[in-house]
Amino acid sequence: MTSNAACWRHPATALVIATILLTACATGGSDPGSAVCPPVVAYDQALRDKAAAELEALPEDAALVGMMADYAVVRTQARACAG
């Protein structure tokens, strides 16, 4: 009777090779033109003025001030993504 213990010596190596080979078959590309851009919600001027006034009324160390700055960056990136 032959032993098949040698077949199980390097399962991690086989897993790595299989992963590399399957990655080559991935359908999603990294081409920027194929990216799905999130929609950018349009706000009218009155709502933007109201939001700016509310934001200015907050204390400088308010968490919401930093979060809104992050949101502005995300909106800029989404607009750039959409073209």
C-alpha atoms as a PDB file:
ATOM      1  CA  MET A   1       0.000   0.000   0.000  1.00  0.00           C
ATOM      2  CA  THR A   2       1.389   3.410  -0.923  1.00  0.00           C
ATOM      3  CA  SER A   3       1.233   6.362   1.407  1.00  0.00           C
ATOM      4  CA  ASN A   4      -0.315   9.618   0.279  1.00  0.00           C
ATOM      5  CA  ALA A   5       1.081  11.619   3.209  1.00  0.00           C
ATOM      6  CA  ALA A   6       3.347  13.535   0.835  1.00  0.00           C
ATOM      7  CA  CYS A   7       0.270  14.990  -0.853  1.00  0.00           C
ATOM      8  CA  TRP A   8      -0.632  16.878   2.320  1.00  0.00           C
ATOM      9  CA  ARG A   9       2.786  18.349   3.125  1.00  0.00           C
ATOM     10  CA  HIS A  10       2.295  21.721   1.442  1.00  0.00           C
ATOM     11  CA  PRO A  11      -1.405  22.627   1.431  1.00  0.00           C
ATOM     12  CA  ALA A  12      -0.596  26.302   2.064  1.00  0.00           C
ATOM     13  CA  THR A  13       1.544  26.447  -1.068  1.00  0.00           C
ATOM     14  CA  ALA A  14      -1.221  24.910  -3.130  1.00  0.00           C
ATOM     15  CA  LEU A  15      -3.704  27.395  -1.666  1.00  0.00           C
ATOM     16  CA  VAL A  16      -1.475  30.341  -2.554  1.00  0.00           C
ATOM     17  CA  ILE A  17      -1.022  29.099  -6.111  1.00  0.00           C
ATOM     18  CA  ALA A  18      -4.759  28.546  -6.516  1.00  0.00           C
ATOM     19  CA  THR A  19      -5.492  32.037  -5.184  1.00  0.00           C
ATOM     20  CA  ILE A  20      -3.029  33.631  -7.598  1.00  0.00           C
ATOM     21  CA  LEU A  21      -4.478  31.750 -10.531  1.00  0.00           C
ATOM     22  CA  LEU A  22      -8.066  32.600  -9.608  1.00  0.00           C
ATOM     23  CA  THR A  23      -7.192  36.268  -9.159  1.00  0.00           C
ATOM     24  CA  ALA A  24      -6.166  36.401 -12.801  1.00  0.00           C
ATOM     25  CA  CYS A  25      -9.735  35.423 -13.707  1.00  0.00           C
ATOM     26  CA  ALA A  26     -11.336  38.285 -11.799  1.00  0.00           C
ATOM     27  CA  THR A  27     -13.819  40.224 -13.914  1.00  0.00           C
ATOM     28  CA  GLY A  28     -13.570  43.554 -12.082  1.00  0.00           C
ATOM     29  CA  GLY A  29     -10.763  45.720 -13.310  1.00  0.00           C
ATOM     30  CA  SER A  30      -8.833  48.547 -11.752  1.00  0.00           C
ATOM     31  CA  ASP A  31      -9.444  50.767 -14.764  1.00  0.00           C
ATOM     32  CA  PRO A  32     -10.681  54.153 -13.452  1.00  0.00           C
ATOM     33  CA  GLY A  33     -13.154  54.321 -16.323  1.00  0.00           C
ATOM     34  CA  SER A  34     -14.955  51.251 -15.016  1.00  0.00           C
ATOM     35  CA  ALA A  35     -15.465  52.673 -11.518  1.00  0.00           C
ATOM     36  CA  VAL A  36     -18.974  53.119 -10.188  1.00  0.00           C
ATOM     37  CA  CYS A  37     -19.263  56.642  -8.859  1.00  0.00           C
ATOM     38  CA  PRO A  38     -21.639  57.476  -6.025  1.00  0.00           C
ATOM     39  CA  PRO A  39     -24.278  60.094  -6.826  1.00  0.00           C
ATOM     40  CA  VAL A  40     -23.728  63.628  -5.559  1.00  0.00           C
ATOM     41  CA  VAL A  41     -26.914  65.045  -4.079  1.00  0.00           C
ATOM     42  CA  ALA A  42     -27.639  68.600  -5.210  1.00  0.00           C
ATOM     43  CA  TYR A  43     -28.688  71.063  -2.495  1.00  0.00           C
ATOM     44  CA  ASP A  44     -30.364  74.373  -3.281  1.00  0.00           C
ATOM     45  CA  GLN A  45     -28.741  77.622  -2.175  1.00  0.00           C
ATOM     46  CA  ALA A  46     -31.209  78.230   0.676  1.00  0.00           C
ATOM     47  CA  LEU A  47     -30.416  74.861   2.260  1.00  0.00           C
ATOM     48  CA  ARG A  48     -26.664  75.383   1.810  1.00  0.00           C
ATOM     49  CA  ASP A  49     -26.911  78.814   3.477  1.00  0.00           C
ATOM     50  CA  LYS A  50     -28.874  77.330   6.372  1.00  0.00           C
ATOM     51  CA  ALA A  51     -26.355  74.512   6.826  1.00  0.00           C
ATOM     52  CA  ALA A  52     -23.440  76.976   6.748  1.00  0.00           C
ATOM     53  CA  ALA A  53     -25.089  79.136   9.417  1.00  0.00           C
ATOM     54  CA  GLU A  54     -25.735  76.089  11.614  1.00  0.00           C
ATOM     55  CA  LEU A  55     -22.160  74.900  11.154  1.00  0.00           C
ATOM     56  CA  GLU A  56     -20.756  78.319  12.060  1.00  0.00           C
ATOM     57  CA  ALA A  57     -22.871  78.327  15.246  1.00  0.00           C
ATOM     58  CA  LEU A  58     -21.175  75.153  16.503  1.00  0.00           C
ATOM     59  CA  PRO A  59     -18.177  75.338  18.823  1.00  0.00           C
ATOM     60  CA  GLU A  60     -14.816  74.993  17.056  1.00  0.00           C
ATOM     61  CA  ASP A  61     -14.072  71.684  18.780  1.00  0.00           C
ATOM     62  CA  ALA A  62     -17.430  70.128  17.810  1.00  0.00           C
ATOM     63  CA  ALA A  63     -17.073  66.699  16.213  1.00  0.00           C
ATOM     64  CA  LEU A  64     -19.558  67.662  13.523  1.00  0.00           C
ATOM     65  CA  VAL A  65     -17.230  70.378  12.196  1.00  0.00           C
ATOM     66  CA  GLY A  66     -14.547  67.807  11.344  1.00  0.00           C
ATOM     67  CA  MET A  67     -17.080  65.363   9.978  1.00  0.00           C
ATOM     68  CA  MET A  68     -18.511  67.976   7.617  1.00  0.00           C
ATOM     69  CA  ALA A  69     -15.006  68.771   6.367  1.00  0.00           C
ATOM     70  CA  ASP A  70     -14.554  65.067   5.585  1.00  0.00           C
ATOM     71  CA  TYR A  71     -17.933  65.031   3.838  1.00  0.00           C
ATOM     72  CA  ALA A  72     -16.877  67.951   1.656  1.00  0.00           C
ATOM     73  CA  VAL A  73     -13.806  65.992   0.545  1.00  0.00           C
ATOM     74  CA  VAL A  74     -15.932  62.929  -0.273  1.00  0.00           C
ATOM     75  CA  ARG A  75     -18.337  65.073  -2.340  1.00  0.00           C
ATOM     76  CA  THR A  76     -15.399  66.554  -4.261  1.00  0.00           C
ATOM     77  CA  GLN A  77     -14.032  63.068  -4.949  1.00  0.00           C
ATOM     78  CA  ALA A  78     -17.450  61.824  -6.090  1.00  0.00           C
ATOM     79  CA  ARG A  79     -17.781  64.770  -8.492  1.00  0.00           C
ATOM     80  CA  ALA A  80     -14.312  64.073  -9.883  1.00  0.00           C
ATOM     81  CA  CYS A  81     -15.165  60.389 -10.272  1.00  0.00           C
ATOM     82  CA  ALA A  82     -18.316  61.189 -12.237  1.00  0.00           C
ATOM     83  CA  GLY A  83     -16.372  63.498 -14.519  1.00  0.00           C
END
